[in-house]
C-alpha atoms as a PDB file:
ATOM      1  CA  MET A   1     -19.864   4.193  -3.204  1.00  0.00           C
ATOM      2  CA  ARG A   2     -20.622   1.534  -5.800  1.00  0.00           C
ATOM      3  CA  ASN A   3     -23.894   3.253  -6.684  1.00  0.00           C
ATOM      4  CA  ILE A   4     -22.038   6.534  -7.225  1.00  0.00           C
ATOM      5  CA  GLN A   5     -19.492   4.774  -9.429  1.00  0.00           C
ATOM      6  CA  LYS A   6     -22.227   3.059 -11.430  1.00  0.00           C
ATOM      7  CA  ALA A   7     -24.000   6.379 -12.019  1.00  0.00           C
ATOM      8  CA  LYS A   8     -20.798   8.046 -13.226  1.00  0.00           C
ATOM      9  CA  LEU A   9     -19.649   5.178 -15.449  1.00  0.00           C
ATOM     10  CA  ARG A  10     -22.955   3.915 -16.832  1.00  0.00           C
ATOM     11  CA  ASN A  11     -23.049   6.129 -19.948  1.00  0.00           C
ATOM     12  CA  PHE A  12     -19.379   5.534 -20.764  1.00  0.00           C
ATOM     13  CA  ALA A  13     -19.759   1.765 -20.424  1.00  0.00           C
ATOM     14  CA  SER A  14     -22.783   1.841 -22.705  1.00  0.00           C
ATOM     15  CA  GLU A  15     -20.939   3.882 -25.350  1.00  0.00           C
ATOM     16  CA  VAL A  16     -17.918   1.586 -25.533  1.00  0.00           C
ATOM     17  CA  GLY A  17     -19.911  -1.603 -25.032  1.00  0.00           C
ATOM     18  CA  CYS A  18     -18.187  -2.911 -21.913  1.00  0.00           C
ATOM     19  CA  GLU A  19     -19.587  -4.586 -18.827  1.00  0.00           C
ATOM     20  CA  LEU A  20     -18.895  -3.223 -15.358  1.00  0.00           C
ATOM     21  CA  ASN A  21     -18.364  -5.583 -12.443  1.00  0.00           C
ATOM     22  CA  TRP A  22     -17.452  -5.041  -8.800  1.00  0.00           C
ATOM     23  CA  HIS A  23     -15.559  -7.563  -6.675  1.00  0.00           C
ATOM     24  CA  ASP A  24     -15.075  -7.678  -2.925  1.00  0.00           C
ATOM     25  CA  THR A  25     -11.640  -9.257  -3.213  1.00  0.00           C
ATOM     26  CA  VAL A  26      -8.959  -9.693  -5.863  1.00  0.00           C
ATOM     27  CA  SER A  27      -9.063 -13.456  -5.324  1.00  0.00           C
ATOM     28  CA  SER A  28     -12.712 -13.517  -6.445  1.00  0.00           C
ATOM     29  CA  ILE A  29     -11.698 -12.405  -9.960  1.00  0.00           C
ATOM     30  CA  LYS A  30     -11.277 -15.391 -12.266  1.00  0.00           C
ATOM     31  CA  ARG A  31      -8.325 -15.831 -14.591  1.00  0.00           C
ATOM     32  CA  SER A  32      -9.143 -15.079 -18.200  1.00  0.00           C
ATOM     33  CA  ASP A  33      -7.758 -15.982 -21.605  1.00  0.00           C
ATOM     34  CA  ALA A  34      -8.082 -12.287 -22.493  1.00  0.00           C
ATOM     35  CA  PHE A  35      -5.223  -9.831 -21.988  1.00  0.00           C
ATOM     36  CA  THR A  36      -5.673  -8.337 -18.516  1.00  0.00           C
ATOM     37  CA  MET A  37      -4.634  -4.848 -17.414  1.00  0.00           C
ATOM     38  CA  ILE A  38      -4.505  -3.952 -13.712  1.00  0.00           C
ATOM     39  CA  VAL A  39      -4.222  -0.479 -12.171  1.00  0.00           C
ATOM     40  CA  ALA A  40      -4.000  -0.010  -8.388  1.00  0.00           C
ATOM     41  CA  HIS A  41      -3.786   3.687  -7.564  1.00  0.00           C
ATOM     42  CA  GLU A  42      -3.556   4.555  -3.858  1.00  0.00           C
ATOM     43  CA  PHE A  43      -4.934   1.124  -3.023  1.00  0.00           C
ATOM     44  CA  PHE A  44      -2.167  -0.579  -1.070  1.00  0.00           C
ATOM     45  CA  ASP A  45      -1.461   2.394   1.213  1.00  0.00           C
ATOM     46  CA  ALA A  46      -4.980   2.101   2.648  1.00  0.00           C
ATOM     47  CA  LEU A  47      -4.737  -1.593   3.594  1.00  0.00           C
ATOM     48  CA  PRO A  48      -4.407  -2.688   7.247  1.00  0.00           C
ATOM     49  CA  PHE A  49      -0.936  -3.235   8.688  1.00  0.00           C
ATOM     50  CA  TYR A  50       0.815  -4.334  11.864  1.00  0.00           C
ATOM     51  CA  GLN A  51       3.307  -2.124  13.632  1.00  0.00           C
ATOM     52  CA  LEU A  52       5.948  -3.805  15.774  1.00  0.00           C
ATOM     53  CA  GLN A  53       8.611  -2.401  18.080  1.00  0.00           C
ATOM     54  CA  LYS A  54      11.899  -4.122  18.800  1.00  0.00           C
ATOM     55  CA  THR A  55      12.641  -4.571  22.509  1.00  0.00           C
ATOM     56  CA  GLU A  56      15.311  -6.394  24.491  1.00  0.00           C
ATOM     57  CA  ASP A  57      12.846  -9.297  24.693  1.00  0.00           C
ATOM     58  CA  GLY A  58      11.998  -9.385  20.997  1.00  0.00           C
ATOM     59  CA  TRP A  59       9.451  -7.752  18.709  1.00  0.00           C
ATOM     60  CA  ARG A  60       6.174  -6.611  20.284  1.00  0.00           C
ATOM     61  CA  GLU A  61       3.003  -5.404  18.625  1.00  0.00           C
ATOM     62  CA  VAL A  62       1.968  -1.766  18.938  1.00  0.00           C
ATOM     63  CA  MET A  63      -1.739  -1.811  19.753  1.00  0.00           C
ATOM     64  CA  VAL A  64      -4.565   0.704  20.124  1.00  0.00           C
ATOM     65  CA  ALA A  65      -6.398   1.404  23.385  1.00  0.00           C
ATOM     66  CA  SER A  66      -8.864   3.975  24.663  1.00  0.00           C
ATOM     67  CA  THR A  67      -7.332   7.015  26.322  1.00  0.00           C
ATOM     68  CA  LEU A  68     -10.096   6.715  28.936  1.00  0.00           C
ATOM     69  CA  ASP A  69      -8.672   3.379  30.131  1.00  0.00           C
ATOM     70  CA  PRO A  70      -5.733   3.790  32.527  1.00  0.00           C
ATOM     71  CA  ILE A  71      -3.588   0.929  31.240  1.00  0.00           C
ATOM     72  CA  LYS A  72      -0.898  -0.273  33.593  1.00  0.00           C
ATOM     73  CA  ASP A  73       2.401  -1.441  32.225  1.00  0.00           C
ATOM     74  CA  PRO A  74       2.487  -5.184  33.060  1.00  0.00           C
ATOM     75  CA  ARG A  75       6.267  -4.991  33.392  1.00  0.00           C
ATOM     76  CA  SER A  76       5.920  -2.818  36.493  1.00  0.00           C
ATOM     77  CA  HIS A  77       3.566  -5.171  38.380  1.00  0.00           C
ATOM     78  CA  SER A  78       4.220  -8.699  39.596  1.00  0.00           C
ATOM     79  CA  ALA A  79       1.925 -11.531  38.548  1.00  0.00           C
ATOM     80  CA  THR A  80       0.700 -11.984  42.130  1.00  0.00           C
ATOM     81  CA  GLU A  81       0.160  -8.309  42.892  1.00  0.00           C
ATOM     82  CA  THR A  82      -3.458  -7.255  43.254  1.00  0.00           C
ATOM     83  CA  ASP A  83      -4.853  -3.762  43.407  1.00  0.00           C
ATOM     84  CA  ASP A  84      -8.585  -3.327  43.810  1.00  0.00           C
ATOM     85  CA  THR A  85      -8.351   0.431  44.190  1.00  0.00           C
ATOM     86  CA  PRO A  86     -10.340   2.034  41.387  1.00  0.00           C
ATOM     87  CA  PRO A  87      -8.218   4.191  39.120  1.00  0.00           C
ATOM     88  CA  PRO A  88      -8.698   7.951  39.233  1.00  0.00           C
ATOM     89  CA  PRO A  89     -11.123   9.332  36.654  1.00  0.00           C
ATOM     90  CA  ILE A  90      -9.686  10.557  33.384  1.00  0.00           C
ATOM     91  CA  SER A  91     -11.058  13.593  31.640  1.00  0.00           C
ATOM     92  CA  LEU A  92     -10.405  14.665  28.089  1.00  0.00           C
ATOM     93  CA  ALA A  93     -10.205  18.215  26.863  1.00  0.00           C
ATOM     94  CA  PRO A  94     -12.128  19.130  23.703  1.00  0.00           C
ATOM     95  CA  GLY A  95     -10.195  17.885  20.708  1.00  0.00           C
ATOM     96  CA  ASP A  96      -8.133  15.333  22.646  1.00  0.00           C
ATOM     97  CA  PRO A  97      -7.877  11.954  20.856  1.00  0.00           C
ATOM     98  CA  LEU A  98     -10.052   9.117  22.127  1.00  0.00           C
ATOM     99  CA  PHE A  99      -7.384   6.517  21.424  1.00  0.00           C
ATOM    100  CA  GLN A 100      -3.714   5.960  22.126  1.00  0.00           C
ATOM    101  CA  ARG A 101      -0.938   3.581  21.089  1.00  0.00           C
ATOM    102  CA  VAL A 102       0.203   1.028  23.647  1.00  0.00           C
ATOM    103  CA  LEU A 103       2.847  -1.670  23.496  1.00  0.00           C
ATOM    104  CA  SER A 104       1.956  -5.328  23.904  1.00  0.00           C
ATOM    105  CA  PRO A 105       3.317  -6.603  27.255  1.00  0.00           C
ATOM    106  CA  SER A 106       5.226  -9.403  25.542  1.00  0.00           C
ATOM    107  CA  SER A 107       6.199 -10.853  22.207  1.00  0.00           C
ATOM    108  CA  ASN A 108       3.558 -13.203  20.803  1.00  0.00           C
ATOM    109  CA  SER A 109       3.106 -15.687  17.982  1.00  0.00           C
ATOM    110  CA  MET A 110       1.598 -13.010  15.733  1.00  0.00           C
ATOM    111  CA  SER A 111       4.602 -10.693  15.952  1.00  0.00           C
ATOM    112  CA  ARG A 112       6.922 -13.602  15.235  1.00  0.00           C
ATOM    113  CA  SER A 113       4.878 -14.998  12.341  1.00  0.00           C
ATOM    114  CA  VAL A 114       4.531 -11.745  10.382  1.00  0.00           C
ATOM    115  CA  LEU A 115       8.302 -11.298  10.442  1.00  0.00           C
ATOM    116  CA  ASN A 116       8.588 -14.690   8.732  1.00  0.00           C
ATOM    117  CA  LEU A 117       6.354 -13.499   5.884  1.00  0.00           C
ATOM    118  CA  SER A 118       9.346 -12.945   3.608  1.00  0.00           C
ATOM    119  CA  PRO A 119      13.167 -13.008   3.645  1.00  0.00           C
ATOM    120  CA  HIS A 120      13.077  -9.245   3.058  1.00  0.00           C
ATOM    121  CA  LEU A 121      11.311  -8.667   6.389  1.00  0.00           C
ATOM    122  CA  GLU A 122      13.540 -11.114   8.259  1.00  0.00           C
ATOM    123  CA  GLU A 123      16.656  -9.321   7.004  1.00  0.00           C
ATOM    124  CA  THR A 124      15.227  -5.904   7.868  1.00  0.00           C
ATOM    125  CA  ALA A 125      14.188  -6.984  11.360  1.00  0.00           C
ATOM    126  CA  ALA A 126      17.597  -8.510  12.083  1.00  0.00           C
ATOM    127  CA  ARG A 127      19.577  -5.344  11.332  1.00  0.00           C
ATOM    128  CA  LEU A 128      17.316  -2.838  13.105  1.00  0.00           C
ATOM    129  CA  PRO A 129      18.454  -1.802  16.609  1.00  0.00           C
ATOM    130  CA  VAL A 130      16.385  -2.084  19.793  1.00  0.00           C
ATOM    131  CA  GLY A 131      13.763   0.642  19.927  1.00  0.00           C
ATOM    132  CA  SER A 132      13.066   0.548  16.196  1.00  0.00           C
ATOM    133  CA  PHE A 133       9.601   0.178  14.722  1.00  0.00           C
ATOM    134  CA  LEU A 134       8.525  -1.864  11.697  1.00  0.00           C
ATOM    135  CA  GLU A 135       5.293  -1.678   9.680  1.00  0.00           C
ATOM    136  CA  ILE A 136       4.141  -4.886   7.986  1.00  0.00           C
ATOM    137  CA  SER A 137       1.021  -5.237   5.852  1.00  0.00           C
ATOM    138  CA  VAL A 138       0.002  -8.870   5.505  1.00  0.00           C
ATOM    139  CA  GLU A 139      -3.019  -7.747   3.478  1.00  0.00           C
ATOM    140  CA  SER A 140      -0.721  -6.067   0.967  1.00  0.00           C
ATOM    141  CA  TYR A 141       1.320  -9.243   0.642  1.00  0.00           C
ATOM    142  CA  LEU A 142      -1.793 -11.354   0.019  1.00  0.00           C
ATOM    143  CA  HIS A 143      -3.269  -8.913  -2.502  1.00  0.00           C
ATOM    144  CA  ALA A 144       0.010  -8.693  -4.425  1.00  0.00           C
ATOM    145  CA  ALA A 145       0.210 -12.482  -4.557  1.00  0.00           C
ATOM    146  CA  ALA A 146      -3.384 -12.635  -5.851  1.00  0.00           C
ATOM    147  CA  LEU A 147      -2.629 -10.087  -8.591  1.00  0.00           C
ATOM    148  CA  SER A 148       0.374 -12.072  -9.794  1.00  0.00           C
ATOM    149  CA  GLN A 149      -1.747 -15.234  -9.919  1.00  0.00           C
ATOM    150  CA  LEU A 150      -4.352 -13.380 -11.958  1.00  0.00           C
ATOM    151  CA  ILE A 151      -2.022 -12.574 -14.859  1.00  0.00           C
ATOM    152  CA  GLY A 152       1.098 -14.626 -14.173  1.00  0.00           C
ATOM    153  CA  GLN A 153       2.330 -18.065 -15.060  1.00  0.00           C
ATOM    154  CA  PRO A 154       2.538 -20.332 -11.971  1.00  0.00           C
ATOM    155  CA  LYS A 155       6.001 -21.733 -11.364  1.00  0.00           C
ATOM    156  CA  LEU A 156       7.626 -24.149  -8.960  1.00  0.00           C
ATOM    157  CA  ALA A 157      10.768 -23.386  -6.980  1.00  0.00           C
ATOM    158  CA  ASP A 158      12.913 -24.670  -9.875  1.00  0.00           C
ATOM    159  CA  ASN A 159      11.083 -22.295 -12.274  1.00  0.00           C
ATOM    160  CA  THR A 160       9.228 -25.093 -14.078  1.00  0.00           C
ATOM    161  CA  GLU A 161       5.701 -24.198 -15.101  1.00  0.00           C
ATOM    162  CA  VAL A 162       2.720 -25.662 -13.261  1.00  0.00           C
ATOM    163  CA  ASP A 163      -0.215 -27.340 -14.975  1.00  0.00           C
ATOM    164  CA  ARG A 164      -3.508 -26.053 -13.593  1.00  0.00           C
ATOM    165  CA  SER A 165      -7.178 -26.401 -14.390  1.00  0.00           C
ATOM    166  CA  ASP A 166      -7.781 -22.624 -14.631  1.00  0.00           C
ATOM    167  CA  PRO A 167      -8.365 -21.083 -18.072  1.00  0.00           C
ATOM    168  CA  PRO A 168      -5.092 -20.406 -19.906  1.00  0.00           C
ATOM    169  CA  CYS A 169      -3.824 -16.952 -19.062  1.00  0.00           C
ATOM    170  CA  GLY A 170      -4.066 -14.497 -21.939  1.00  0.00           C
ATOM    171  CA  GLY A 171      -1.205 -12.424 -20.586  1.00  0.00           C
ATOM    172  CA  GLY A 172      -1.388  -9.103 -18.902  1.00  0.00           C
ATOM    173  CA  CYS A 173       0.335  -6.288 -17.089  1.00  0.00           C
ATOM    174  CA  GLY A 174      -0.230  -4.030 -14.133  1.00  0.00           C
ATOM    175  CA  LEU A 175       0.729  -0.744 -12.518  1.00  0.00           C
ATOM    176  CA  ILE A 176       0.762   0.025  -8.805  1.00  0.00           C
ATOM    177  CA  ILE A 177       0.990   3.751  -7.984  1.00  0.00           C
ATOM    178  CA  ASP A 178       1.312   4.683  -4.344  1.00  0.00           C
ATOM    179  CA  TYR A 179       3.230   6.301  -1.510  1.00  0.00           C
ATOM    180  CA  GLY A 180       6.233   4.242  -0.447  1.00  0.00           C
ATOM    181  CA  GLY A 181       9.559   2.867  -1.551  1.00  0.00           C
ATOM    182  CA  ASN A 182      11.586  -0.234  -2.202  1.00  0.00           C
ATOM    183  CA  GLN A 183      12.039  -0.951   1.508  1.00  0.00           C
ATOM    184  CA  ALA A 184      10.169  -1.486   4.773  1.00  0.00           C
ATOM    185  CA  PHE A 185       9.150   1.535   6.834  1.00  0.00           C
ATOM    186  CA  GLU A 186       9.253   2.125  10.578  1.00  0.00           C
ATOM    187  CA  ASN A 187       6.662   4.779  11.344  1.00  0.00           C
ATOM    188  CA  SER A 188       5.001   6.154   8.204  1.00  0.00           C
ATOM    189  CA  PHE A 189       1.415   5.831   9.504  1.00  0.00           C
ATOM    190  CA  ARG A 190      -0.349   9.198   9.178  1.00  0.00           C
ATOM    191  CA  ALA A 191      -3.742  10.800   8.604  1.00  0.00           C
ATOM    192  CA  PHE A 192      -4.990  13.520   6.278  1.00  0.00           C
ATOM    193  CA  LYS A 193      -7.958  15.805   6.802  1.00  0.00           C
ATOM    194  CA  ASP A 194      -8.792  18.610   4.381  1.00  0.00           C
ATOM    195  CA  HIS A 195      -5.393  18.122   2.685  1.00  0.00           C
ATOM    196  CA  LYS A 196      -3.516  18.582   5.967  1.00  0.00           C
ATOM    197  CA  VAL A 197      -1.667  16.042   8.133  1.00  0.00           C
ATOM    198  CA  VAL A 198      -3.504  15.438  11.418  1.00  0.00           C
ATOM    199  CA  ASP A 199      -3.194  13.023  14.342  1.00  0.00           C
ATOM    200  CA  VAL A 200      -4.063   9.467  13.296  1.00  0.00           C
ATOM    201  CA  PHE A 201      -6.739   9.360  16.008  1.00  0.00           C
ATOM    202  CA  HIS A 202      -8.293  12.674  14.998  1.00  0.00           C
ATOM    203  CA  GLN A 203     -12.013  12.235  14.262  1.00  0.00           C
ATOM    204  CA  PRO A 204     -11.972   8.451  13.686  1.00  0.00           C
ATOM    205  CA  GLY A 205     -13.752   7.511  10.478  1.00  0.00           C
ATOM    206  CA  LYS A 206     -13.478  11.008   9.002  1.00  0.00           C
ATOM    207  CA  THR A 207      -9.815  11.122   8.008  1.00  0.00           C
ATOM    208  CA  ASP A 208      -7.772   9.506   5.257  1.00  0.00           C
ATOM    209  CA  LEU A 209      -5.424   7.002   6.914  1.00  0.00           C
ATOM    210  CA  THR A 210      -2.333   5.913   5.024  1.00  0.00           C
ATOM    211  CA  ALA A 211       0.941   4.050   5.492  1.00  0.00           C
ATOM    212  CA  ASN A 212       3.816   3.822   3.020  1.00  0.00           C
ATOM    213  CA  VAL A 213       3.861   0.813   0.716  1.00  0.00           C
ATOM    214  CA  ASP A 214       6.771  -1.604   0.987  1.00  0.00           C
ATOM    215  CA  PHE A 215       7.310  -2.422  -2.697  1.00  0.00           C
ATOM    216  CA  ALA A 216      10.086  -4.883  -1.852  1.00  0.00           C
ATOM    217  CA  LEU A 217       7.490  -6.938   0.028  1.00  0.00           C
ATOM    218  CA  LEU A 218       5.065  -6.775  -2.918  1.00  0.00           C
ATOM    219  CA  LYS A 219       7.773  -8.041  -5.259  1.00  0.00           C
ATOM    220  CA  GLN A 220       8.554 -11.005  -3.037  1.00  0.00           C
ATOM    221  CA  ALA A 221       4.833 -11.757  -2.738  1.00  0.00           C
ATOM    222  CA  MET A 222       4.520 -11.923  -6.523  1.00  0.00           C
ATOM    223  CA  GLY A 223       7.346 -14.441  -6.754  1.00  0.00           C
ATOM    224  CA  ALA A 224       8.478 -15.821 -10.105  1.00  0.00           C
ATOM    225  CA  GLN A 225       5.039 -15.701 -11.713  1.00  0.00           C
ATOM    226  CA  VAL A 226       5.544 -12.236 -13.208  1.00  0.00           C
ATOM    227  CA  ILE A 227       8.308  -9.916 -14.370  1.00  0.00           C
ATOM    228  CA  LYS A 228       8.764  -6.930 -12.063  1.00  0.00           C
ATOM    229  CA  HIS A 229       9.565  -3.407 -13.222  1.00  0.00           C
ATOM    230  CA  GLY A 230      10.703  -0.629 -10.888  1.00  0.00           C
ATOM    231  CA  PRO A 231       9.564   1.038  -8.769  1.00  0.00           C
ATOM    232  CA  ILE A 232      10.496   4.451 -10.128  1.00  0.00           C
ATOM    233  CA  THR A 233       9.314   7.864  -8.975  1.00  0.00           C
ATOM    234  CA  GLN A 234       6.051   9.274 -10.266  1.00  0.00           C
ATOM    235  CA  SER A 235       7.988  12.237 -11.659  1.00  0.00           C
ATOM    236  CA  GLU A 236      10.243  10.003 -13.754  1.00  0.00           C
ATOM    237  CA  PHE A 237       7.307   7.893 -14.934  1.00  0.00           C
ATOM    238  CA  LEU A 238       5.118  10.812 -16.027  1.00  0.00           C
ATOM    239  CA  GLN A 239       7.891  12.770 -17.705  1.00  0.00           C
ATOM    240  CA  LYS A 240       9.116   9.738 -19.658  1.00  0.00           C
ATOM    241  CA  MET A 241       5.534   9.054 -20.739  1.00  0.00           C
ATOM    242  CA  GLY A 242       5.337  12.494 -22.381  1.00  0.00           C
ATOM    243  CA  MET A 243       3.443  14.419 -19.738  1.00  0.00           C
ATOM    244  CA  SER A 244       4.874  17.778 -20.829  1.00  0.00           C
ATOM    245  CA  VAL A 245       3.514  17.366 -24.361  1.00  0.00           C
ATOM    246  CA  ARG A 246       0.046  16.558 -23.039  1.00  0.00           C
ATOM    247  CA  VAL A 247       0.088  19.447 -20.563  1.00  0.00           C
ATOM    248  CA  MET A 248       1.073  21.963 -23.217  1.00  0.00           C
ATOM    249  CA  ALA A 249      -1.715  20.707 -25.485  1.00  0.00           C
ATOM    250  CA  LEU A 250      -4.257  21.150 -22.712  1.00  0.00           C
ATOM    251  CA  ALA A 251      -2.870  24.573 -21.822  1.00  0.00           C
ATOM    252  CA  ARG A 252      -3.239  25.782 -25.423  1.00  0.00           C
ATOM    253  CA  GLN A 253      -6.886  24.725 -25.382  1.00  0.00           C
ATOM    254  CA  ALA A 254      -7.608  26.508 -22.087  1.00  0.00           C
ATOM    255  CA  LYS A 255     -10.411  29.074 -22.343  1.00  0.00           C
ATOM    256  CA  ASP A 256      -8.510  31.726 -20.371  1.00  0.00           C
ATOM    257  CA  GLU A 257      -5.243  32.421 -18.563  1.00  0.00           C
ATOM    258  CA  GLU A 258      -6.655  31.383 -15.204  1.00  0.00           C
ATOM    259  CA  ARG A 259      -7.572  27.930 -16.519  1.00  0.00           C
ATOM    260  CA  ARG A 260      -4.177  27.664 -18.247  1.00  0.00           C
ATOM    261  CA  ALA A 261      -2.357  28.450 -14.984  1.00  0.00           C
ATOM    262  CA  THR A 262      -4.470  25.881 -13.134  1.00  0.00           C
ATOM    263  CA  ILE A 263      -3.504  23.140 -15.610  1.00  0.00           C
ATOM    264  CA  ILE A 264       0.199  23.959 -15.463  1.00  0.00           C
ATOM    265  CA  ASN A 265       0.275  24.257 -11.661  1.00  0.00           C
ATOM    266  CA  ALA A 266      -1.538  20.939 -11.243  1.00  0.00           C
ATOM    267  CA  ALA A 267       0.933  19.218 -13.555  1.00  0.00           C
ATOM    268  CA  GLU A 268       3.921  20.707 -11.734  1.00  0.00           C
ATOM    269  CA  ARG A 269       2.524  19.416  -8.452  1.00  0.00           C
ATOM    270  CA  LEU A 270       2.409  15.864  -9.826  1.00  0.00           C
ATOM    271  CA  VAL A 271       6.120  15.892 -10.657  1.00  0.00           C
ATOM    272  CA  ASP A 272       7.354  18.127  -7.819  1.00  0.00           C
ATOM    273  CA  PRO A 273      10.600  16.512  -6.536  1.00  0.00           C
ATOM    274  CA  ALA A 274       9.859  17.885  -3.072  1.00  0.00           C
ATOM    275  CA  GLY A 275       6.377  16.357  -2.986  1.00  0.00           C
ATOM    276  CA  MET A 276       4.232  14.003  -5.029  1.00  0.00           C
ATOM    277  CA  GLY A 277       6.820  13.562  -7.753  1.00  0.00           C
ATOM    278  CA  LYS A 278       9.193  11.889  -5.307  1.00  0.00           C
ATOM    279  CA  GLU A 279       6.870  10.446  -2.661  1.00  0.00           C
ATOM    280  CA  TYR A 280       4.714   8.525  -5.128  1.00  0.00           C
ATOM    281  CA  LYS A 281       6.283   5.476  -6.761  1.00  0.00           C
ATOM    282  CA  VAL A 282       5.196   3.542  -9.836  1.00  0.00           C
ATOM    283  CA  TYR A 283       5.761  -0.209  -9.944  1.00  0.00           C
ATOM    284  CA  GLY A 284       4.974  -2.387 -12.921  1.00  0.00           C
ATOM    285  CA  PHE A 285       4.569  -6.120 -13.436  1.00  0.00           C
ATOM    286  CA  SER A 286       3.817  -8.245 -16.473  1.00  0.00           C
ATOM    287  CA  ASN A 287       3.287 -11.804 -17.597  1.00  0.00           C
ATOM    288  CA  ILE A 288       6.530 -13.721 -18.160  1.00  0.00           C
ATOM    289  CA  LYS A 289       5.496 -14.377 -21.760  1.00  0.00           C
ATOM    290  CA  GLU A 290       5.591 -10.652 -22.500  1.00  0.00           C
ATOM    291  CA  SER A 291       8.736  -8.714 -23.417  1.00  0.00           C
ATOM    292  CA  THR A 292      11.263  -8.423 -20.591  1.00  0.00           C
ATOM    293  CA  PHE A 293      11.622  -4.706 -21.343  1.00  0.00           C
ATOM    294  CA  ALA A 294       8.819  -2.364 -20.398  1.00  0.00           C
ATOM    295  CA  TYR A 295       9.070   1.352 -21.021  1.00  0.00           C
ATOM    296  CA  PRO A 296       9.475   3.654 -19.086  1.00  0.00           C
ATOM    297  CA  PHE A 297      11.140   1.309 -16.578  1.00  0.00           C
ATOM    298  CA  ASP A 298      14.873   1.203 -17.225  1.00  0.00           C
ATOM    299  CA  GLU A 299      15.556  -2.260 -15.917  1.00  0.00           C
ATOM    300  CA  VAL A 300      13.828  -5.530 -15.112  1.00  0.00           C
ATOM    301  CA  VAL A 301      14.038  -6.698 -11.515  1.00  0.00           C
ATOM    302  CA  PRO A 302      15.043 -10.385 -11.551  1.00  0.00           C
ATOM    303  CA  SER A 303      12.588 -12.874 -10.072  1.00  0.00           C
END
């Protein structure tokens, strides 16, 4: 993938005189005294997450097992019961998934610790009834925290600034564009294949797996180091940024009516209130030394 990106960007980078670099993690990028701009488009929705289910005995992790393994529910067998009888063979029909979701037999330290990741998750978990699910991406939390450290001003709990040996931050801003909302989600995990929703275990490794982004969690991860803006819908963001003017300009330059229709239809799809325009959210963040107002976000979320 990096080789493909290099081939596509090499000429452009040479023309504008910029250097291209690839990093394995956000934390490996060093702070800079230059103004930094960050764009994360459909990045957070692809990160790993935990799914928990609330039971009478607490929150348990939803895990993945092979459909070829006859897994017994530990709650239906005593600790001293033994059964050496081999299970009956299991056969799969063509197209049947190779994996299945199973529930952990008991609550464990992992399920308890991820709920303590932020007050937002603790509050959500407390009000959900038994039987509810909850998706939590620790990776998203860590990446959001790393992004805020990259452009933000470190602060203590009392909002006093922290002296650090890193280079002075030259300011910066960022946009995160992704599926999701300003809340936690229960069961948004899904898969896409050829632009259609399919079973999440359909052809492992050949589908696009995604889970909604909890922007409230990202905001808490970023703390007081940055100013938060939004999220707002993609439709609102694009229309306030003058998308219609740009689309009309492109349509006028189209070589024929077919190309013109393609441009207009593609633009309408981006702002469709029944689809991408509503499902995609845009969240912004900026250095605390920048202006507290950032267009097209209508309000600043307090730290």
